[in-house]
Amino acid sequence: MLAPQTVRESTAKVMERAVHVRLADDACARLAQRILAEPAAASWDATDHFVGEARLTLRYLLVLDALNFCFWPDEGFEYGHLARALRVVIIDDPQAFDADRLIGLTASQLAAWLGRPLALLEERARLLRELGAVLAAEFDGDVAGLVAAAQGSAARLATLTARYLPGFRDHGLHRGHQVFFYKRAQIFAADVWGAFGGVGAGAFDDIAELTTFADYRLPQLLRAQGVLRLDRASAQRIDGRQEILAGDALEIELRAATVQAVERARDALGWLGRPHTAVEVDWWLWHHAEAAAEDLPPHHRTRSIYY
């Protein structure tokens, strides 16, 4: 089964059993109306990213998405800072993200790339060493081989990324049942599609198969918009900025509800005659969440390598 399908099916089952988070169908419908009335960037944003020769671009994107998690413990460093820092690295040294270089990467070298140490720095460096080792062993050292193996399918690329790279296997347990999210594996496929404008390496005919990329910023916005409804104790945990352990039922339900909220908004957009992909809805939500970050209620705080 392909990764996006497992995400849809398993998160739907989480919501059938959820006790901390529920979805408001009327708010999902209003979200669809808001997307139509308040357009934001619904395309890949090249402003912060490196886009150049195809092989370099693919290497940059996979390194970026291998590190795209857990920014909240570090004040003043968000995804955009990461994207720009890595862009500088590959422009200054086009071989920096070669597999044989990644295999020997240290945490101190990574901190130098980023201009500062980040939370989970040792784990971030380990994930890049893992990435280099897998590419060397399985794809002749090149990300282009991984993308080519997907044979023009975004869903297959996400699946292969999670299959070959353990650090991308984003899943957990909810009340004894396995649930899948594959946030970074799917976002890598979407980034390839977006960076290449849907042609060349990014010529995927099934981009609509991807789900949203469940993180902590999207549920923050969805809660503020009334789409996600929390029980009182859970709201107090989040508003009190208590750290929620990875795998906690509340964490799993927040992420599952985010996936299912986007699915329902997509359904509503289709009924309105304005079909959107989950990727487009995700980008809309993320841009709005980033723009309103200072005015939103707190997001949940979980230390995780997955988002």
C-alpha atoms as a PDB file:
ATOM      1  CA  MET A   1       0.000   0.000   0.000  1.00  0.00           C
ATOM      2  CA  LEU A   2       1.332   3.462  -0.852  1.00  0.00           C
ATOM      3  CA  ALA A   3       2.185   5.852   1.965  1.00  0.00           C
ATOM      4  CA  PRO A   4      -0.562   8.469   1.407  1.00  0.00           C
ATOM      5  CA  GLN A   5      -3.261   5.803   1.419  1.00  0.00           C
ATOM      6  CA  THR A   6      -2.047   4.441   4.762  1.00  0.00           C
ATOM      7  CA  VAL A   7      -2.086   7.987   6.153  1.00  0.00           C
ATOM      8  CA  ARG A   8      -5.682   8.606   5.076  1.00  0.00           C
ATOM      9  CA  GLU A   9      -6.988   5.288   6.314  1.00  0.00           C
ATOM     10  CA  SER A  10      -5.157   5.134   9.632  1.00  0.00           C
ATOM     11  CA  THR A  11      -5.881   8.750  10.613  1.00  0.00           C
ATOM     12  CA  ALA A  12      -9.565   8.247   9.825  1.00  0.00           C
ATOM     13  CA  LYS A  13      -9.600   5.336  12.255  1.00  0.00           C
ATOM     14  CA  VAL A  14      -7.886   7.470  14.906  1.00  0.00           C
ATOM     15  CA  MET A  15     -10.705   9.988  14.677  1.00  0.00           C
ATOM     16  CA  GLU A  16     -13.268   7.222  15.144  1.00  0.00           C
ATOM     17  CA  ARG A  17     -11.610   6.426  18.485  1.00  0.00           C
ATOM     18  CA  ALA A  18     -10.458   9.934  19.484  1.00  0.00           C
ATOM     19  CA  VAL A  19     -11.317  11.221  22.951  1.00  0.00           C
ATOM     20  CA  HIS A  20      -9.295  14.455  23.156  1.00  0.00           C
ATOM     21  CA  VAL A  21      -9.873  16.047  19.732  1.00  0.00           C
ATOM     22  CA  ARG A  22     -12.882  16.165  17.460  1.00  0.00           C
ATOM     23  CA  LEU A  23     -13.612  17.771  14.123  1.00  0.00           C
ATOM     24  CA  ALA A  24     -16.320  20.351  13.529  1.00  0.00           C
ATOM     25  CA  ASP A  25     -17.819  19.662  10.102  1.00  0.00           C
ATOM     26  CA  ASP A  26     -19.385  23.111   9.857  1.00  0.00           C
ATOM     27  CA  ALA A  27     -15.981  24.708  10.497  1.00  0.00           C
ATOM     28  CA  CYS A  28     -14.409  22.490   7.824  1.00  0.00           C
ATOM     29  CA  ALA A  29     -16.976  23.835   5.354  1.00  0.00           C
ATOM     30  CA  ARG A  30     -16.215  27.404   6.445  1.00  0.00           C
ATOM     31  CA  LEU A  31     -12.516  26.708   5.966  1.00  0.00           C
ATOM     32  CA  ALA A  32     -13.200  25.797   2.347  1.00  0.00           C
ATOM     33  CA  GLN A  33     -15.063  29.077   1.875  1.00  0.00           C
ATOM     34  CA  ARG A  34     -12.193  30.966   3.507  1.00  0.00           C
ATOM     35  CA  ILE A  35      -9.656  29.368   1.175  1.00  0.00           C
ATOM     36  CA  LEU A  36     -11.652  30.656  -1.778  1.00  0.00           C
ATOM     37  CA  ALA A  37     -12.207  34.102  -0.278  1.00  0.00           C
ATOM     38  CA  GLU A  38      -8.719  34.730   1.180  1.00  0.00           C
ATOM     39  CA  PRO A  39      -6.205  33.347  -1.271  1.00  0.00           C
ATOM     40  CA  ALA A  40      -2.656  32.886  -0.071  1.00  0.00           C
ATOM     41  CA  ALA A  41       0.324  31.359  -1.813  1.00  0.00           C
ATOM     42  CA  ALA A  42      -0.943  28.095  -3.283  1.00  0.00           C
ATOM     43  CA  SER A  43       2.263  27.301  -5.092  1.00  0.00           C
ATOM     44  CA  TRP A  44       5.772  26.357  -4.059  1.00  0.00           C
ATOM     45  CA  ASP A  45       7.681  29.325  -2.678  1.00  0.00           C
ATOM     46  CA  ALA A  46      11.100  29.652  -4.310  1.00  0.00           C
ATOM     47  CA  THR A  47      12.038  32.722  -2.272  1.00  0.00           C
ATOM     48  CA  ASP A  48      13.822  30.902   0.543  1.00  0.00           C
ATOM     49  CA  HIS A  49      14.921  27.820  -1.377  1.00  0.00           C
ATOM     50  CA  PHE A  50      17.772  26.833  -3.636  1.00  0.00           C
ATOM     51  CA  VAL A  51      16.750  26.062  -7.198  1.00  0.00           C
ATOM     52  CA  GLY A  52      19.491  25.319  -9.689  1.00  0.00           C
ATOM     53  CA  GLU A  53      20.909  22.382 -11.610  1.00  0.00           C
ATOM     54  CA  ALA A  54      18.537  19.448 -11.202  1.00  0.00           C
ATOM     55  CA  ARG A  55      20.816  17.069  -9.307  1.00  0.00           C
ATOM     56  CA  LEU A  56      21.900  19.795  -6.890  1.00  0.00           C
ATOM     57  CA  THR A  57      18.303  20.852  -6.347  1.00  0.00           C
ATOM     58  CA  LEU A  58      17.261  17.298  -5.497  1.00  0.00           C
ATOM     59  CA  ARG A  59      20.137  16.908  -3.039  1.00  0.00           C
ATOM     60  CA  TYR A  60      19.256  20.210  -1.421  1.00  0.00           C
ATOM     61  CA  LEU A  61      15.588  19.269  -1.057  1.00  0.00           C
ATOM     62  CA  LEU A  62      16.248  15.900   0.544  1.00  0.00           C
ATOM     63  CA  VAL A  63      18.733  17.376   3.028  1.00  0.00           C
ATOM     64  CA  LEU A  64      16.283  20.166   3.800  1.00  0.00           C
ATOM     65  CA  ASP A  65      13.424  17.747   4.420  1.00  0.00           C
ATOM     66  CA  ALA A  66      15.632  15.427   6.469  1.00  0.00           C
ATOM     67  CA  LEU A  67      16.138  18.360   8.879  1.00  0.00           C
ATOM     68  CA  ASN A  68      12.643  19.852   8.679  1.00  0.00           C
ATOM     69  CA  PHE A  69      11.424  19.217  12.225  1.00  0.00           C
ATOM     70  CA  CYS A  70      11.168  20.568  15.747  1.00  0.00           C
ATOM     71  CA  PHE A  71      11.971  24.283  15.495  1.00  0.00           C
ATOM     72  CA  TRP A  72       9.898  25.408  18.459  1.00  0.00           C
ATOM     73  CA  PRO A  73      12.543  24.998  21.206  1.00  0.00           C
ATOM     74  CA  ASP A  74      14.812  27.506  19.400  1.00  0.00           C
ATOM     75  CA  GLU A  75      13.745  31.134  19.430  1.00  0.00           C
ATOM     76  CA  GLY A  76      14.365  32.943  16.179  1.00  0.00           C
ATOM     77  CA  PHE A  77      15.028  29.927  13.981  1.00  0.00           C
ATOM     78  CA  GLU A  78      12.213  28.573  11.835  1.00  0.00           C
ATOM     79  CA  TYR A  79      11.861  26.633   8.610  1.00  0.00           C
ATOM     80  CA  GLY A  80      12.717  29.656   6.468  1.00  0.00           C
ATOM     81  CA  HIS A  81      16.006  30.125   8.315  1.00  0.00           C
ATOM     82  CA  LEU A  82      16.858  26.468   7.686  1.00  0.00           C
ATOM     83  CA  ALA A  83      16.016  26.702   3.975  1.00  0.00           C
ATOM     84  CA  ARG A  84      18.108  29.844   3.525  1.00  0.00           C
ATOM     85  CA  ALA A  85      21.059  28.517   5.520  1.00  0.00           C
ATOM     86  CA  LEU A  86      21.217  25.339   3.436  1.00  0.00           C
ATOM     87  CA  ARG A  87      20.874  27.375   0.245  1.00  0.00           C
ATOM     88  CA  VAL A  88      24.015  29.303   1.202  1.00  0.00           C
ATOM     89  CA  VAL A  89      25.854  26.052   1.930  1.00  0.00           C
ATOM     90  CA  ILE A  90      25.174  24.461  -1.452  1.00  0.00           C
ATOM     91  CA  ILE A  91      25.890  27.666  -3.365  1.00  0.00           C
ATOM     92  CA  ASP A  92      29.237  28.044  -1.589  1.00  0.00           C
ATOM     93  CA  ASP A  93      30.100  24.335  -1.906  1.00  0.00           C
ATOM     94  CA  PRO A  94      28.072  22.417  -4.522  1.00  0.00           C
ATOM     95  CA  GLN A  95      29.509  19.097  -3.259  1.00  0.00           C
ATOM     96  CA  ALA A  96      28.466  19.711   0.366  1.00  0.00           C
ATOM     97  CA  PHE A  97      25.419  17.444   0.114  1.00  0.00           C
ATOM     98  CA  ASP A  98      27.103  14.641  -1.805  1.00  0.00           C
ATOM     99  CA  ALA A  99      26.473  11.253  -0.188  1.00  0.00           C
ATOM    100  CA  ASP A 100      30.130  10.631   0.669  1.00  0.00           C
ATOM    101  CA  ARG A 101      30.320  13.984   2.439  1.00  0.00           C
ATOM    102  CA  LEU A 102      27.112  13.425   4.394  1.00  0.00           C
ATOM    103  CA  ILE A 103      28.327  10.043   5.647  1.00  0.00           C
ATOM    104  CA  GLY A 104      31.013  11.754   7.729  1.00  0.00           C
ATOM    105  CA  LEU A 105      29.012  14.797   8.850  1.00  0.00           C
ATOM    106  CA  THR A 106      29.428  15.816  12.503  1.00  0.00           C
ATOM    107  CA  ALA A 107      27.084  17.792  14.697  1.00  0.00           C
ATOM    108  CA  SER A 108      29.585  20.639  14.881  1.00  0.00           C
ATOM    109  CA  GLN A 109      29.783  20.800  11.078  1.00  0.00           C
ATOM    110  CA  LEU A 110      25.998  20.899  10.892  1.00  0.00           C
ATOM    111  CA  ALA A 111      25.875  23.691  13.478  1.00  0.00           C
ATOM    112  CA  ALA A 112      28.355  25.636  11.355  1.00  0.00           C
ATOM    113  CA  TRP A 113      26.116  25.174   8.321  1.00  0.00           C
ATOM    114  CA  LEU A 114      23.139  26.520  10.224  1.00  0.00           C
ATOM    115  CA  GLY A 115      25.008  29.271  12.040  1.00  0.00           C
ATOM    116  CA  ARG A 116      23.922  27.935  15.430  1.00  0.00           C
ATOM    117  CA  PRO A 117      23.228  24.699  17.294  1.00  0.00           C
ATOM    118  CA  LEU A 118      19.612  23.534  17.214  1.00  0.00           C
ATOM    119  CA  ALA A 119      17.566  21.259  19.437  1.00  0.00           C
ATOM    120  CA  LEU A 120      18.229  17.592  18.653  1.00  0.00           C
ATOM    121  CA  LEU A 121      21.418  18.592  16.824  1.00  0.00           C
ATOM    122  CA  GLU A 122      23.164  15.223  17.270  1.00  0.00           C
ATOM    123  CA  GLU A 123      20.074  13.452  15.959  1.00  0.00           C
ATOM    124  CA  ARG A 124      19.879  15.784  12.967  1.00  0.00           C
ATOM    125  CA  ALA A 125      23.484  15.020  12.091  1.00  0.00           C
ATOM    126  CA  ARG A 126      22.847  11.291  12.504  1.00  0.00           C
ATOM    127  CA  LEU A 127      19.896  11.494  10.117  1.00  0.00           C
ATOM    128  CA  LEU A 128      22.072  13.142   7.465  1.00  0.00           C
ATOM    129  CA  ARG A 129      24.752  10.458   7.915  1.00  0.00           C
ATOM    130  CA  GLU A 130      22.027   7.857   7.496  1.00  0.00           C
ATOM    131  CA  LEU A 131      20.806   9.624   4.370  1.00  0.00           C
ATOM    132  CA  GLY A 132      24.304   9.625   2.872  1.00  0.00           C
ATOM    133  CA  ALA A 133      24.859   5.949   3.677  1.00  0.00           C
ATOM    134  CA  VAL A 134      21.545   4.846   2.145  1.00  0.00           C
ATOM    135  CA  LEU A 135      22.058   6.886  -1.014  1.00  0.00           C
ATOM    136  CA  ALA A 136      25.561   5.444  -1.399  1.00  0.00           C
ATOM    137  CA  ALA A 137      24.376   1.875  -0.866  1.00  0.00           C
ATOM    138  CA  GLU A 138      21.117   1.934  -2.832  1.00  0.00           C
ATOM    139  CA  PHE A 139      21.156   4.765  -5.397  1.00  0.00           C
ATOM    140  CA  ASP A 140      24.759   5.190  -6.545  1.00  0.00           C
ATOM    141  CA  GLY A 141      25.107   8.073  -4.109  1.00  0.00           C
ATOM    142  CA  ASP A 142      22.584  10.316  -5.800  1.00  0.00           C
ATOM    143  CA  VAL A 143      19.092  11.515  -4.833  1.00  0.00           C
ATOM    144  CA  ALA A 144      18.222  11.518  -8.542  1.00  0.00           C
ATOM    145  CA  GLY A 145      18.258   7.717  -8.402  1.00  0.00           C
ATOM    146  CA  LEU A 146      15.663   7.700  -5.632  1.00  0.00           C
ATOM    147  CA  VAL A 147      13.428  10.099  -7.565  1.00  0.00           C
ATOM    148  CA  ALA A 148      13.824   8.114 -10.785  1.00  0.00           C
ATOM    149  CA  ALA A 149      12.798   4.930  -8.963  1.00  0.00           C
ATOM    150  CA  ALA A 150       9.416   6.541  -8.239  1.00  0.00           C
ATOM    151  CA  GLN A 151       8.629   6.455 -11.977  1.00  0.00           C
ATOM    152  CA  GLY A 152       6.716   9.725 -12.073  1.00  0.00           C
ATOM    153  CA  SER A 153       4.604   9.104  -8.964  1.00  0.00           C
ATOM    154  CA  ALA A 154       4.589  11.437  -5.954  1.00  0.00           C
ATOM    155  CA  ALA A 155       2.903   8.764  -3.845  1.00  0.00           C
ATOM    156  CA  ARG A 156       5.545   6.210  -4.800  1.00  0.00           C
ATOM    157  CA  LEU A 157       8.347   8.686  -4.064  1.00  0.00           C
ATOM    158  CA  ALA A 158       6.975   9.279  -0.569  1.00  0.00           C
ATOM    159  CA  THR A 159       6.662   5.521  -0.103  1.00  0.00           C
ATOM    160  CA  LEU A 160      10.211   4.805  -1.278  1.00  0.00           C
ATOM    161  CA  THR A 161      11.621   7.623   0.847  1.00  0.00           C
ATOM    162  CA  ALA A 162      10.050   6.132   3.965  1.00  0.00           C
ATOM    163  CA  ARG A 163      11.008   2.595   2.940  1.00  0.00           C
ATOM    164  CA  TYR A 164      14.698   3.316   2.436  1.00  0.00           C
ATOM    165  CA  LEU A 165      15.268   6.056   5.018  1.00  0.00           C
ATOM    166  CA  PRO A 166      14.317   5.031   8.571  1.00  0.00           C
ATOM    167  CA  GLY A 167      14.344   8.641   9.755  1.00  0.00           C
ATOM    168  CA  PHE A 168      11.359   9.363   7.494  1.00  0.00           C
ATOM    169  CA  ARG A 169       9.179   6.533   8.901  1.00  0.00           C
ATOM    170  CA  ASP A 170       6.746   8.776  10.704  1.00  0.00           C
ATOM    171  CA  HIS A 171       4.225   6.607  12.508  1.00  0.00           C
ATOM    172  CA  GLY A 172       3.013   5.744  15.971  1.00  0.00           C
ATOM    173  CA  LEU A 173       0.406   3.912  17.999  1.00  0.00           C
ATOM    174  CA  HIS A 174      -3.023   5.080  19.078  1.00  0.00           C
ATOM    175  CA  ARG A 175      -4.899   2.852  21.502  1.00  0.00           C
ATOM    176  CA  GLY A 176      -3.063  -0.208  20.223  1.00  0.00           C
ATOM    177  CA  HIS A 177      -3.502   0.602  16.518  1.00  0.00           C
ATOM    178  CA  GLN A 178      -0.712   1.746  14.214  1.00  0.00           C
ATOM    179  CA  VAL A 179      -1.152   5.166  12.626  1.00  0.00           C
ATOM    180  CA  PHE A 180       0.906   6.682   9.815  1.00  0.00           C
ATOM    181  CA  PHE A 181       1.684  10.314   8.973  1.00  0.00           C
ATOM    182  CA  TYR A 182       4.835  10.330   6.783  1.00  0.00           C
ATOM    183  CA  LYS A 183       5.017  14.104   7.031  1.00  0.00           C
ATOM    184  CA  ARG A 184       8.578  14.576   5.769  1.00  0.00           C
ATOM    185  CA  ALA A 185       8.436  11.782   3.190  1.00  0.00           C
ATOM    186  CA  GLN A 186       5.365  13.349   1.609  1.00  0.00           C
ATOM    187  CA  ILE A 187       6.681  16.885   1.826  1.00  0.00           C
ATOM    188  CA  PHE A 188       9.816  15.784  -0.012  1.00  0.00           C
ATOM    189  CA  ALA A 189       7.665  14.542  -2.890  1.00  0.00           C
ATOM    190  CA  ALA A 190       5.689  17.789  -2.858  1.00  0.00           C
ATOM    191  CA  ASP A 191       8.884  19.855  -2.769  1.00  0.00           C
ATOM    192  CA  VAL A 192      10.255  18.030  -5.799  1.00  0.00           C
ATOM    193  CA  TRP A 193       6.989  18.642  -7.637  1.00  0.00           C
ATOM    194  CA  GLY A 194       6.932  22.300  -6.606  1.00  0.00           C
ATOM    195  CA  ALA A 195      10.590  23.110  -7.210  1.00  0.00           C
ATOM    196  CA  PHE A 196      10.477  21.667 -10.725  1.00  0.00           C
ATOM    197  CA  GLY A 197       7.072  23.135 -11.530  1.00  0.00           C
ATOM    198  CA  GLY A 198       5.571  19.707 -12.175  1.00  0.00           C
ATOM    199  CA  VAL A 199       7.951  18.935 -15.044  1.00  0.00           C
ATOM    200  CA  GLY A 200      11.247  17.106 -15.369  1.00  0.00           C
ATOM    201  CA  ALA A 201      12.137  15.435 -12.074  1.00  0.00           C
ATOM    202  CA  GLY A 202       8.865  16.770 -10.635  1.00  0.00           C
ATOM    203  CA  ALA A 203       6.563  15.460 -13.365  1.00  0.00           C
ATOM    204  CA  PHE A 204       4.155  13.591 -11.076  1.00  0.00           C
ATOM    205  CA  ASP A 205       0.717  12.725 -12.383  1.00  0.00           C
ATOM    206  CA  ASP A 206      -0.657  11.855  -8.948  1.00  0.00           C
ATOM    207  CA  ILE A 207       0.217  14.849  -6.766  1.00  0.00           C
ATOM    208  CA  ALA A 208      -3.408  14.832  -5.589  1.00  0.00           C
ATOM    209  CA  GLU A 209      -2.729  11.515  -3.827  1.00  0.00           C
ATOM    210  CA  LEU A 210      -0.583  13.165  -1.151  1.00  0.00           C
ATOM    211  CA  THR A 211      -2.165  14.145   2.159  1.00  0.00           C
ATOM    212  CA  THR A 212      -1.459  17.214   4.234  1.00  0.00           C
ATOM    213  CA  PHE A 213       1.805  17.349   6.172  1.00  0.00           C
ATOM    214  CA  ALA A 214       0.719  17.073   9.792  1.00  0.00           C
ATOM    215  CA  ASP A 215       2.949  19.192  12.034  1.00  0.00           C
ATOM    216  CA  TYR A 216       2.354  21.558  14.963  1.00  0.00           C
ATOM    217  CA  ARG A 217       1.661  24.782  13.044  1.00  0.00           C
ATOM    218  CA  LEU A 218      -1.360  23.519  11.102  1.00  0.00           C
ATOM    219  CA  PRO A 219      -3.323  22.214  14.105  1.00  0.00           C
ATOM    220  CA  GLN A 220      -2.554  25.505  15.836  1.00  0.00           C
ATOM    221  CA  LEU A 221      -4.346  27.423  13.075  1.00  0.00           C
ATOM    222  CA  LEU A 222      -7.144  24.865  12.718  1.00  0.00           C
ATOM    223  CA  ARG A 223      -7.867  25.071  16.417  1.00  0.00           C
ATOM    224  CA  ALA A 224      -8.009  28.878  16.247  1.00  0.00           C
ATOM    225  CA  GLN A 225     -10.491  28.606  13.368  1.00  0.00           C
ATOM    226  CA  GLY A 226     -12.729  26.217  15.291  1.00  0.00           C
ATOM    227  CA  VAL A 227     -12.009  23.254  13.064  1.00  0.00           C
ATOM    228  CA  LEU A 228     -10.350  21.267  15.845  1.00  0.00           C
ATOM    229  CA  ARG A 229     -12.196  21.089  19.160  1.00  0.00           C
ATOM    230  CA  LEU A 230     -10.259  19.972  22.240  1.00  0.00           C
ATOM    231  CA  ASP A 231     -11.476  18.732  25.587  1.00  0.00           C
ATOM    232  CA  ARG A 232     -10.770  21.117  28.451  1.00  0.00           C
ATOM    233  CA  ALA A 233      -7.853  19.206  29.974  1.00  0.00           C
ATOM    234  CA  SER A 234      -6.086  18.945  26.608  1.00  0.00           C
ATOM    235  CA  ALA A 235      -6.594  22.644  25.886  1.00  0.00           C
ATOM    236  CA  GLN A 236      -5.092  23.467  29.266  1.00  0.00           C
ATOM    237  CA  ARG A 237      -2.039  21.302  28.562  1.00  0.00           C
ATOM    238  CA  ILE A 238      -1.387  23.083  25.281  1.00  0.00           C
ATOM    239  CA  ASP A 239      -2.209  26.581  26.493  1.00  0.00           C
ATOM    240  CA  GLY A 240       0.022  25.998  29.520  1.00  0.00           C
ATOM    241  CA  ARG A 241       2.857  25.138  27.122  1.00  0.00           C
ATOM    242  CA  GLN A 242       3.359  21.752  28.733  1.00  0.00           C
ATOM    243  CA  GLU A 243       5.589  19.457  26.723  1.00  0.00           C
ATOM    244  CA  ILE A 244       3.578  16.551  25.300  1.00  0.00           C
ATOM    245  CA  LEU A 245       5.544  13.373  24.791  1.00  0.00           C
ATOM    246  CA  ALA A 246       5.757  11.885  21.315  1.00  0.00           C
ATOM    247  CA  GLY A 247       3.162   9.135  21.049  1.00  0.00           C
ATOM    248  CA  ASP A 248       0.825  10.679  23.622  1.00  0.00           C
ATOM    249  CA  ALA A 249      -2.797  10.109  22.569  1.00  0.00           C
ATOM    250  CA  LEU A 250      -3.364  13.872  22.387  1.00  0.00           C
ATOM    251  CA  GLU A 251      -0.411  14.347  20.036  1.00  0.00           C
ATOM    252  CA  ILE A 252      -1.555  11.538  17.752  1.00  0.00           C
ATOM    253  CA  GLU A 253      -5.133  12.845  17.695  1.00  0.00           C
ATOM    254  CA  LEU A 254      -4.043  16.405  16.900  1.00  0.00           C
ATOM    255  CA  ARG A 255      -2.073  15.229  13.898  1.00  0.00           C
ATOM    256  CA  ALA A 256      -4.741  12.769  12.741  1.00  0.00           C
ATOM    257  CA  ALA A 257      -7.422  15.442  13.043  1.00  0.00           C
ATOM    258  CA  THR A 258      -5.282  17.784  10.947  1.00  0.00           C
ATOM    259  CA  VAL A 259      -5.086  15.230   8.126  1.00  0.00           C
ATOM    260  CA  GLN A 260      -8.811  14.547   8.249  1.00  0.00           C
ATOM    261  CA  ALA A 261      -9.727  18.245   8.457  1.00  0.00           C
ATOM    262  CA  VAL A 262      -7.872  18.886   5.213  1.00  0.00           C
ATOM    263  CA  GLU A 263      -9.599  15.904   3.622  1.00  0.00           C
ATOM    264  CA  ARG A 264     -12.990  17.327   4.590  1.00  0.00           C
ATOM    265  CA  ALA A 265     -12.039  20.795   3.365  1.00  0.00           C
ATOM    266  CA  ARG A 266     -10.972  19.223   0.069  1.00  0.00           C
ATOM    267  CA  ASP A 267     -14.331  17.500  -0.187  1.00  0.00           C
ATOM    268  CA  ALA A 268     -16.105  20.809   0.411  1.00  0.00           C
ATOM    269  CA  LEU A 269     -13.976  22.568  -2.202  1.00  0.00           C
ATOM    270  CA  GLY A 270     -14.881  19.850  -4.687  1.00  0.00           C
ATOM    271  CA  TRP A 271     -18.576  20.299  -3.953  1.00  0.00           C
ATOM    272  CA  LEU A 272     -18.127  24.031  -4.573  1.00  0.00           C
ATOM    273  CA  GLY A 273     -16.664  23.264  -7.968  1.00  0.00           C
ATOM    274  CA  ARG A 274     -13.154  24.422  -6.986  1.00  0.00           C
ATOM    275  CA  PRO A 275     -11.139  21.246  -6.414  1.00  0.00           C
ATOM    276  CA  HIS A 276      -7.839  21.568  -4.571  1.00  0.00           C
ATOM    277  CA  THR A 277      -5.134  19.056  -3.710  1.00  0.00           C
ATOM    278  CA  ALA A 278      -4.218  18.455  -0.088  1.00  0.00           C
ATOM    279  CA  VAL A 279      -0.837  19.986  -0.903  1.00  0.00           C
ATOM    280  CA  GLU A 280      -2.491  23.236  -1.984  1.00  0.00           C
ATOM    281  CA  VAL A 281      -4.667  23.321   1.131  1.00  0.00           C
ATOM    282  CA  ASP A 282      -1.603  22.573   3.255  1.00  0.00           C
ATOM    283  CA  TRP A 283       0.346  25.456   1.724  1.00  0.00           C
ATOM    284  CA  TRP A 284      -2.615  27.775   2.260  1.00  0.00           C
ATOM    285  CA  LEU A 285      -2.859  26.788   5.923  1.00  0.00           C
ATOM    286  CA  TRP A 286       0.885  26.995   6.521  1.00  0.00           C
ATOM    287  CA  HIS A 287       1.230  30.457   4.997  1.00  0.00           C
ATOM    288  CA  HIS A 288      -1.726  31.750   6.988  1.00  0.00           C
ATOM    289  CA  ALA A 289      -0.431  30.134  10.176  1.00  0.00           C
ATOM    290  CA  GLU A 290       3.004  31.665   9.723  1.00  0.00           C
ATOM    291  CA  ALA A 291       1.539  35.090   9.028  1.00  0.00           C
ATOM    292  CA  ALA A 292      -0.681  34.945  12.124  1.00  0.00           C
ATOM    293  CA  ALA A 293       1.723  33.062  14.419  1.00  0.00           C
ATOM    294  CA  GLU A 294       1.920  35.841  17.026  1.00  0.00           C
ATOM    295  CA  ASP A 295      -1.870  36.049  17.318  1.00  0.00           C
ATOM    296  CA  LEU A 296      -2.683  32.344  17.511  1.00  0.00           C
ATOM    297  CA  PRO A 297      -3.120  30.286  20.674  1.00  0.00           C
ATOM    298  CA  PRO A 298      -0.055  28.206  21.582  1.00  0.00           C
ATOM    299  CA  HIS A 299       0.788  25.174  19.484  1.00  0.00           C
ATOM    300  CA  HIS A 300       1.413  21.790  21.051  1.00  0.00           C
ATOM    301  CA  ARG A 301       5.007  21.117  22.029  1.00  0.00           C
ATOM    302  CA  THR A 302       6.418  17.709  21.223  1.00  0.00           C
ATOM    303  CA  ARG A 303      10.090  16.888  20.677  1.00  0.00           C
ATOM    304  CA  SER A 304      10.053  14.712  17.605  1.00  0.00           C
ATOM    305  CA  ILE A 305      12.238  14.044  14.595  1.00  0.00           C
ATOM    306  CA  TYR A 306       9.152  13.691  12.426  1.00  0.00           C
ATOM    307  CA  TYR A 307       7.786  17.269  12.390  1.00  0.00           C
END
